[in-house]
N, C-alpha and C. Protein backbone atom coordinates (compact mmCIF):
# COMPACT_ATOMS: atom_id res chain seq x y z
N ASP A 1 -33.33 5.51 -7.92
CA ASP A 1 -33.04 5.24 -9.33
C ASP A 1 -31.52 5.30 -9.53
N ASN A 2 -30.95 4.23 -10.06
CA ASN A 2 -29.52 4.17 -10.31
C ASN A 2 -29.23 4.20 -11.80
N SER A 3 -29.99 4.97 -12.55
CA SER A 3 -29.81 5.02 -14.00
C SER A 3 -28.54 5.75 -14.40
N SER A 4 -28.01 6.58 -13.51
CA SER A 4 -26.80 7.31 -13.85
C SER A 4 -25.53 6.50 -13.62
N GLY A 5 -25.63 5.31 -13.05
CA GLY A 5 -24.46 4.45 -12.91
C GLY A 5 -23.94 4.35 -11.49
N PHE A 6 -22.92 3.51 -11.34
CA PHE A 6 -22.36 3.19 -10.03
C PHE A 6 -21.55 4.33 -9.44
N ILE A 7 -20.70 4.95 -10.24
CA ILE A 7 -19.77 5.96 -9.73
C ILE A 7 -20.50 7.17 -9.16
N PRO A 8 -21.49 7.76 -9.86
CA PRO A 8 -22.17 8.91 -9.25
C PRO A 8 -22.83 8.55 -7.92
N LYS A 9 -23.37 7.33 -7.80
CA LYS A 9 -23.97 6.92 -6.54
C LYS A 9 -22.91 6.90 -5.45
N CYS A 10 -21.73 6.38 -5.77
CA CYS A 10 -20.65 6.36 -4.80
C CYS A 10 -20.26 7.77 -4.39
N ARG A 11 -20.18 8.65 -5.36
CA ARG A 11 -19.83 10.05 -5.04
C ARG A 11 -20.90 10.67 -4.17
N THR A 12 -22.17 10.36 -4.48
CA THR A 12 -23.26 10.88 -3.68
C THR A 12 -23.16 10.36 -2.25
N CYS A 13 -22.87 9.07 -2.11
CA CYS A 13 -22.72 8.49 -0.77
C CYS A 13 -21.57 9.15 -0.02
N ARG A 14 -20.47 9.36 -0.69
CA ARG A 14 -19.32 10.00 -0.03
C ARG A 14 -19.65 11.44 0.35
N ARG A 15 -20.36 12.16 -0.54
CA ARG A 15 -20.73 13.54 -0.24
C ARG A 15 -21.63 13.58 0.98
N GLN A 16 -22.61 12.68 1.04
CA GLN A 16 -23.51 12.64 2.20
C GLN A 16 -22.75 12.31 3.47
N ALA A 17 -21.80 11.37 3.37
CA ALA A 17 -21.00 11.01 4.55
C ALA A 17 -20.17 12.20 5.02
N ARG A 18 -19.62 12.97 4.09
CA ARG A 18 -18.84 14.16 4.47
C ARG A 18 -19.73 15.20 5.14
N GLU A 19 -20.93 15.39 4.59
CA GLU A 19 -21.85 16.37 5.16
C GLU A 19 -22.26 15.98 6.58
N GLN A 20 -22.49 14.68 6.78
CA GLN A 20 -22.89 14.21 8.11
C GLN A 20 -21.74 14.32 9.10
N SER A 21 -20.50 14.11 8.63
CA SER A 21 -19.36 14.17 9.55
C SER A 21 -18.88 15.60 9.77
N GLY A 22 -19.38 16.54 8.99
CA GLY A 22 -19.01 17.94 9.16
C GLY A 22 -17.70 18.30 8.49
N GLU A 23 -17.25 17.46 7.58
CA GLU A 23 -16.00 17.72 6.86
C GLU A 23 -16.25 18.85 5.86
N GLY A 24 -15.74 20.02 6.14
CA GLY A 24 -16.06 21.18 5.31
C GLY A 24 -14.97 21.60 4.35
N ASP A 25 -13.77 21.00 4.41
CA ASP A 25 -12.67 21.46 3.56
C ASP A 25 -12.52 20.64 2.28
N HIS A 26 -13.55 19.91 1.90
CA HIS A 26 -13.49 19.10 0.67
C HIS A 26 -13.71 19.99 -0.54
N HIS A 27 -12.89 19.78 -1.57
CA HIS A 27 -13.03 20.52 -2.82
C HIS A 27 -13.46 19.54 -3.90
N GLU A 28 -14.61 19.79 -4.48
CA GLU A 28 -15.17 18.90 -5.49
C GLU A 28 -14.20 18.74 -6.65
N GLY A 29 -13.99 17.49 -7.08
CA GLY A 29 -13.12 17.21 -8.22
C GLY A 29 -11.68 16.92 -7.85
N LEU A 30 -11.30 17.12 -6.59
CA LEU A 30 -9.92 16.88 -6.19
C LEU A 30 -9.71 15.48 -5.64
N SER A 31 -10.78 14.80 -5.29
CA SER A 31 -10.62 13.42 -4.82
C SER A 31 -10.69 12.49 -6.01
N SER A 32 -10.28 11.26 -5.79
CA SER A 32 -10.25 10.30 -6.88
C SER A 32 -10.87 8.98 -6.45
N ASP A 33 -11.59 8.36 -7.36
CA ASP A 33 -12.14 7.04 -7.07
C ASP A 33 -11.04 5.99 -7.04
N GLU A 34 -9.85 6.33 -7.54
CA GLU A 34 -8.76 5.38 -7.61
C GLU A 34 -7.79 5.49 -6.44
N GLU A 35 -8.12 6.26 -5.42
CA GLU A 35 -7.23 6.39 -4.28
C GLU A 35 -7.05 5.03 -3.62
N LEU A 36 -5.82 4.70 -3.30
CA LEU A 36 -5.51 3.38 -2.73
C LEU A 36 -5.54 3.42 -1.22
N THR A 37 -5.98 2.32 -0.66
CA THR A 37 -5.96 2.18 0.79
C THR A 37 -4.53 1.84 1.21
N PRO A 38 -4.19 2.04 2.48
CA PRO A 38 -2.84 1.67 2.93
C PRO A 38 -2.51 0.20 2.67
N THR A 39 -3.50 -0.67 2.80
CA THR A 39 -3.28 -2.09 2.53
C THR A 39 -2.93 -2.31 1.06
N GLU A 40 -3.64 -1.63 0.17
CA GLU A 40 -3.36 -1.76 -1.26
C GLU A 40 -1.98 -1.20 -1.60
N VAL A 41 -1.59 -0.12 -0.94
CA VAL A 41 -0.27 0.47 -1.16
C VAL A 41 0.82 -0.52 -0.72
N ASP A 42 0.62 -1.14 0.43
CA ASP A 42 1.59 -2.14 0.92
C ASP A 42 1.69 -3.34 -0.02
N GLU A 43 0.54 -3.81 -0.49
CA GLU A 43 0.53 -4.95 -1.41
C GLU A 43 1.24 -4.59 -2.71
N PHE A 44 0.99 -3.38 -3.21
CA PHE A 44 1.65 -2.94 -4.43
C PHE A 44 3.15 -2.85 -4.23
N GLN A 45 3.58 -2.29 -3.10
CA GLN A 45 5.02 -2.15 -2.84
C GLN A 45 5.69 -3.51 -2.74
N LYS A 46 5.05 -4.47 -2.08
CA LYS A 46 5.60 -5.82 -1.98
C LYS A 46 5.71 -6.45 -3.36
N SER A 47 4.67 -6.30 -4.15
CA SER A 47 4.68 -6.85 -5.51
C SER A 47 5.77 -6.21 -6.35
N LYS A 48 5.91 -4.90 -6.23
CA LYS A 48 6.95 -4.17 -6.96
C LYS A 48 8.34 -4.64 -6.53
N ASP A 49 8.55 -4.79 -5.24
CA ASP A 49 9.84 -5.26 -4.73
C ASP A 49 10.17 -6.66 -5.25
N ASN A 50 9.15 -7.53 -5.31
CA ASN A 50 9.36 -8.88 -5.83
C ASN A 50 9.76 -8.86 -7.30
N VAL A 51 9.11 -8.01 -8.08
CA VAL A 51 9.44 -7.89 -9.50
C VAL A 51 10.87 -7.38 -9.67
N LEU A 52 11.24 -6.37 -8.89
CA LEU A 52 12.60 -5.82 -8.99
C LEU A 52 13.65 -6.84 -8.57
N GLU A 53 13.35 -7.61 -7.54
CA GLU A 53 14.27 -8.65 -7.09
C GLU A 53 14.43 -9.72 -8.16
N ASP A 54 13.32 -10.13 -8.77
CA ASP A 54 13.38 -11.13 -9.84
C ASP A 54 14.13 -10.59 -11.06
N SER A 55 13.99 -9.31 -11.33
CA SER A 55 14.65 -8.73 -12.50
C SER A 55 16.17 -8.70 -12.33
N ARG A 56 16.64 -8.62 -11.09
CA ARG A 56 18.08 -8.63 -10.84
C ARG A 56 18.69 -10.00 -11.13
N LYS A 57 17.86 -11.04 -11.08
CA LYS A 57 18.34 -12.41 -11.26
C LYS A 57 18.33 -12.85 -12.72
N ILE A 58 17.73 -12.08 -13.59
CA ILE A 58 17.54 -12.51 -14.98
C ILE A 58 18.86 -12.85 -15.66
N PHE A 59 19.86 -12.02 -15.52
CA PHE A 59 21.12 -12.21 -16.22
C PHE A 59 22.25 -12.68 -15.30
N GLU A 60 21.92 -13.20 -14.13
CA GLU A 60 22.99 -13.57 -13.20
C GLU A 60 23.84 -14.73 -13.69
N ASP A 61 23.33 -15.58 -14.57
CA ASP A 61 24.11 -16.70 -15.08
C ASP A 61 24.62 -16.46 -16.51
N VAL A 62 24.58 -15.21 -16.94
CA VAL A 62 25.03 -14.85 -18.29
C VAL A 62 26.41 -14.21 -18.20
N HIS A 63 27.30 -14.59 -19.10
CA HIS A 63 28.64 -14.02 -19.13
C HIS A 63 28.53 -12.50 -19.34
N ALA A 64 29.37 -11.75 -18.68
CA ALA A 64 29.31 -10.28 -18.71
C ALA A 64 29.39 -9.71 -20.12
N ASP A 65 30.07 -10.39 -21.03
CA ASP A 65 30.18 -9.89 -22.40
C ASP A 65 28.84 -9.90 -23.13
N PHE A 66 27.88 -10.66 -22.61
CA PHE A 66 26.62 -10.81 -23.31
C PHE A 66 25.42 -10.19 -22.59
N CYS A 67 25.67 -9.48 -21.51
CA CYS A 67 24.57 -8.78 -20.84
C CYS A 67 24.91 -7.31 -20.58
N ASP A 68 26.01 -6.86 -21.12
CA ASP A 68 26.41 -5.46 -21.01
C ASP A 68 26.29 -4.84 -22.40
N ILE A 69 25.41 -3.89 -22.54
CA ILE A 69 25.13 -3.29 -23.85
C ILE A 69 26.38 -2.69 -24.48
N ARG A 70 27.19 -2.02 -23.67
CA ARG A 70 28.41 -1.40 -24.20
C ARG A 70 29.35 -2.46 -24.80
N LYS A 71 29.51 -3.57 -24.09
CA LYS A 71 30.40 -4.64 -24.58
C LYS A 71 29.84 -5.29 -25.84
N ILE A 72 28.55 -5.47 -25.89
CA ILE A 72 27.92 -6.05 -27.09
C ILE A 72 28.14 -5.13 -28.29
N LEU A 73 27.91 -3.85 -28.08
CA LEU A 73 28.07 -2.90 -29.18
C LEU A 73 29.53 -2.80 -29.63
N LEU A 74 30.47 -2.95 -28.70
CA LEU A 74 31.89 -2.94 -29.08
C LEU A 74 32.21 -4.13 -29.99
N LYS A 75 31.61 -5.28 -29.71
CA LYS A 75 31.81 -6.46 -30.57
C LYS A 75 31.30 -6.19 -31.98
N PHE A 76 30.14 -5.56 -32.07
CA PHE A 76 29.59 -5.24 -33.38
C PHE A 76 30.43 -4.18 -34.09
N GLN A 77 30.97 -3.23 -33.33
CA GLN A 77 31.82 -2.20 -33.92
C GLN A 77 33.10 -2.84 -34.48
N GLU A 78 33.67 -3.77 -33.73
CA GLU A 78 34.86 -4.48 -34.21
C GLU A 78 34.55 -5.26 -35.48
N TRP A 79 33.41 -5.92 -35.50
CA TRP A 79 32.99 -6.67 -36.67
C TRP A 79 32.88 -5.75 -37.88
N LYS A 80 32.27 -4.59 -37.67
CA LYS A 80 32.07 -3.65 -38.77
C LYS A 80 33.40 -3.14 -39.31
N GLU A 81 34.36 -2.89 -38.39
CA GLU A 81 35.66 -2.38 -38.83
C GLU A 81 36.49 -3.45 -39.53
N LYS A 82 36.42 -4.70 -39.06
CA LYS A 82 37.24 -5.76 -39.64
C LYS A 82 36.61 -6.38 -40.88
N PHE A 83 35.31 -6.52 -40.89
CA PHE A 83 34.61 -7.18 -41.99
C PHE A 83 33.38 -6.37 -42.42
N PRO A 84 33.58 -5.19 -42.99
CA PRO A 84 32.46 -4.30 -43.30
C PRO A 84 31.44 -4.91 -44.27
N GLU A 85 31.92 -5.70 -45.23
CA GLU A 85 30.99 -6.29 -46.20
C GLU A 85 30.07 -7.31 -45.51
N SER A 86 30.65 -8.16 -44.70
CA SER A 86 29.87 -9.16 -43.96
C SER A 86 28.88 -8.48 -43.00
N TYR A 87 29.35 -7.43 -42.35
CA TYR A 87 28.51 -6.67 -41.42
C TYR A 87 27.30 -6.10 -42.16
N CYS A 88 27.54 -5.53 -43.29
CA CYS A 88 26.47 -4.93 -44.09
C CYS A 88 25.52 -6.00 -44.61
N ASP A 89 26.07 -7.13 -45.08
CA ASP A 89 25.24 -8.22 -45.61
C ASP A 89 24.34 -8.84 -44.54
N ALA A 90 24.74 -8.75 -43.28
CA ALA A 90 23.97 -9.35 -42.18
C ALA A 90 22.85 -8.42 -41.68
N TYR A 91 22.76 -7.21 -42.24
CA TYR A 91 21.73 -6.24 -41.85
C TYR A 91 21.72 -6.01 -40.34
N ILE A 92 22.89 -5.77 -39.79
CA ILE A 92 23.04 -5.62 -38.34
C ILE A 92 22.23 -4.44 -37.80
N SER A 93 22.16 -3.37 -38.55
CA SER A 93 21.42 -2.20 -38.06
C SER A 93 19.95 -2.54 -37.81
N PHE A 94 19.42 -3.53 -38.54
CA PHE A 94 18.03 -3.95 -38.32
C PHE A 94 17.93 -4.94 -37.15
N CYS A 95 19.00 -5.65 -36.87
CA CYS A 95 18.99 -6.68 -35.81
C CYS A 95 19.24 -6.11 -34.42
N LEU A 96 20.02 -5.05 -34.34
CA LEU A 96 20.42 -4.51 -33.03
C LEU A 96 19.23 -4.13 -32.13
N PRO A 97 18.21 -3.47 -32.65
CA PRO A 97 17.09 -3.15 -31.73
C PRO A 97 16.47 -4.38 -31.09
N LYS A 98 16.31 -5.44 -31.87
CA LYS A 98 15.72 -6.66 -31.31
C LYS A 98 16.68 -7.34 -30.34
N LEU A 99 17.95 -7.25 -30.60
CA LEU A 99 18.95 -7.85 -29.73
C LEU A 99 19.05 -7.10 -28.40
N LEU A 100 19.02 -5.78 -28.46
CA LEU A 100 19.20 -4.98 -27.25
C LEU A 100 17.91 -4.79 -26.45
N ASN A 101 16.78 -5.02 -27.07
CA ASN A 101 15.49 -4.78 -26.44
C ASN A 101 15.37 -5.44 -25.05
N PRO A 102 15.64 -6.74 -24.91
CA PRO A 102 15.50 -7.33 -23.56
C PRO A 102 16.43 -6.72 -22.52
N LEU A 103 17.63 -6.37 -22.94
CA LEU A 103 18.59 -5.78 -22.00
C LEU A 103 18.12 -4.40 -21.53
N ILE A 104 17.58 -3.64 -22.45
CA ILE A 104 17.09 -2.30 -22.10
C ILE A 104 15.83 -2.40 -21.24
N ARG A 105 14.95 -3.31 -21.59
CA ARG A 105 13.71 -3.46 -20.82
C ARG A 105 13.98 -3.81 -19.37
N VAL A 106 14.96 -4.66 -19.13
CA VAL A 106 15.31 -5.02 -17.75
C VAL A 106 15.79 -3.79 -16.99
N GLN A 107 16.54 -2.93 -17.66
CA GLN A 107 17.04 -1.72 -17.00
C GLN A 107 15.93 -0.70 -16.77
N LEU A 108 14.86 -0.79 -17.55
CA LEU A 108 13.76 0.17 -17.41
C LEU A 108 12.67 -0.29 -16.45
N ILE A 109 12.79 -1.49 -15.91
CA ILE A 109 11.75 -2.00 -15.01
C ILE A 109 11.53 -1.06 -13.84
N SER A 110 12.58 -0.56 -13.26
CA SER A 110 12.44 0.30 -12.08
C SER A 110 12.31 1.78 -12.43
N TRP A 111 12.41 2.12 -13.70
CA TRP A 111 12.35 3.53 -14.11
C TRP A 111 10.93 4.04 -14.02
N ASN A 112 10.73 5.16 -13.38
CA ASN A 112 9.41 5.76 -13.25
C ASN A 112 9.51 7.25 -13.52
N PRO A 113 9.07 7.69 -14.70
CA PRO A 113 9.19 9.11 -15.03
C PRO A 113 8.26 10.01 -14.21
N LEU A 114 7.36 9.41 -13.42
CA LEU A 114 6.45 10.20 -12.61
C LEU A 114 7.02 10.53 -11.24
N GLU A 115 8.15 9.90 -10.89
CA GLU A 115 8.79 10.21 -9.62
C GLU A 115 9.49 11.56 -9.73
N GLN A 116 9.69 12.18 -8.60
CA GLN A 116 10.31 13.50 -8.60
C GLN A 116 11.75 13.47 -9.08
N ASN A 117 12.53 12.52 -8.62
CA ASN A 117 13.95 12.47 -8.93
C ASN A 117 14.26 11.34 -9.90
N PHE A 118 13.55 11.28 -11.02
CA PHE A 118 13.80 10.21 -11.97
C PHE A 118 14.96 10.58 -12.89
N THR A 119 15.60 9.55 -13.44
CA THR A 119 16.72 9.74 -14.35
C THR A 119 16.17 9.90 -15.76
N GLU A 120 16.65 10.90 -16.45
CA GLU A 120 16.24 11.10 -17.85
C GLU A 120 16.77 9.94 -18.68
N LEU A 121 16.03 9.55 -19.69
CA LEU A 121 16.46 8.46 -20.57
C LEU A 121 17.84 8.74 -21.15
N GLU A 122 18.08 9.98 -21.55
CA GLU A 122 19.35 10.34 -22.18
C GLU A 122 20.54 10.19 -21.24
N GLU A 123 20.27 10.11 -19.93
CA GLU A 123 21.34 9.99 -18.94
C GLU A 123 21.62 8.54 -18.56
N MET A 124 20.82 7.62 -19.03
CA MET A 124 21.00 6.22 -18.67
C MET A 124 22.18 5.62 -19.43
N PRO A 125 22.93 4.71 -18.79
CA PRO A 125 24.12 4.13 -19.42
C PRO A 125 23.84 3.45 -20.76
N TRP A 126 22.73 2.73 -20.86
CA TRP A 126 22.42 2.04 -22.12
C TRP A 126 22.18 3.03 -23.25
N PHE A 127 21.55 4.16 -22.92
CA PHE A 127 21.27 5.18 -23.94
C PHE A 127 22.57 5.79 -24.44
N ARG A 128 23.46 6.09 -23.51
CA ARG A 128 24.76 6.67 -23.89
C ARG A 128 25.58 5.70 -24.73
N ALA A 129 25.53 4.41 -24.38
CA ALA A 129 26.27 3.40 -25.15
C ALA A 129 25.75 3.33 -26.58
N ILE A 130 24.45 3.35 -26.75
CA ILE A 130 23.86 3.31 -28.09
C ILE A 130 24.18 4.59 -28.85
N GLU A 131 24.15 5.70 -28.15
CA GLU A 131 24.46 6.98 -28.78
C GLU A 131 25.92 7.00 -29.27
N GLU A 132 26.84 6.52 -28.43
CA GLU A 132 28.25 6.45 -28.83
C GLU A 132 28.44 5.52 -30.01
N PHE A 133 27.75 4.38 -30.01
CA PHE A 133 27.83 3.43 -31.11
C PHE A 133 27.30 4.08 -32.39
N SER A 134 26.20 4.78 -32.29
CA SER A 134 25.62 5.45 -33.46
C SER A 134 26.55 6.53 -33.99
N ASP A 135 27.16 7.28 -33.09
CA ASP A 135 28.10 8.32 -33.51
C ASP A 135 29.30 7.70 -34.22
N ALA A 136 29.83 6.61 -33.68
CA ALA A 136 30.97 5.91 -34.29
C ALA A 136 30.58 5.34 -35.64
N GLU A 137 29.35 4.81 -35.73
CA GLU A 137 28.88 4.24 -36.98
C GLU A 137 28.72 5.35 -38.03
N ASN A 138 28.17 6.48 -37.64
CA ASN A 138 28.00 7.60 -38.57
C ASN A 138 29.34 8.15 -39.02
N ALA A 139 30.31 8.20 -38.09
CA ALA A 139 31.64 8.72 -38.44
C ALA A 139 32.32 7.79 -39.43
N SER A 140 32.18 6.48 -39.24
CA SER A 140 32.84 5.54 -40.17
C SER A 140 32.15 5.55 -41.52
N GLU A 141 30.85 5.80 -41.57
CA GLU A 141 30.14 5.87 -42.84
C GLU A 141 30.53 7.11 -43.63
N SER A 142 30.81 8.22 -42.90
CA SER A 142 31.16 9.45 -43.60
C SER A 142 32.56 9.38 -44.20
N LYS A 143 33.41 8.49 -43.65
CA LYS A 143 34.76 8.32 -44.19
C LYS A 143 34.65 7.64 -45.53
């Protein structure tokens, strides 16, 4: 009777196989149905490498002033200082997240917070650039 579903049957089959092979150091609940085979791990790594390689090419034909978050934010800061009324009328604070989103996403493609030695978001260059821009914007507003 398979009324309890596919997964319990698989677990039962694995348990029986362990008992027959004499594997005695198994701890119930520590194995996973999602464990990857070496072939699957290799395929995943190749796919990941391809994505990372493609992501490096995204902005290769873009002028550096338009793919560097710090440089983009400096242009907006200059605009705000020289033409504050125009800057305010253009609702730039609402536009910047949409403008910077693709640039940030490309930088986050390889970021994995589950790795042991991952970089904190606050330590990433794009985060610091936005933080500096926000601090400068807040300082100019307080004046």
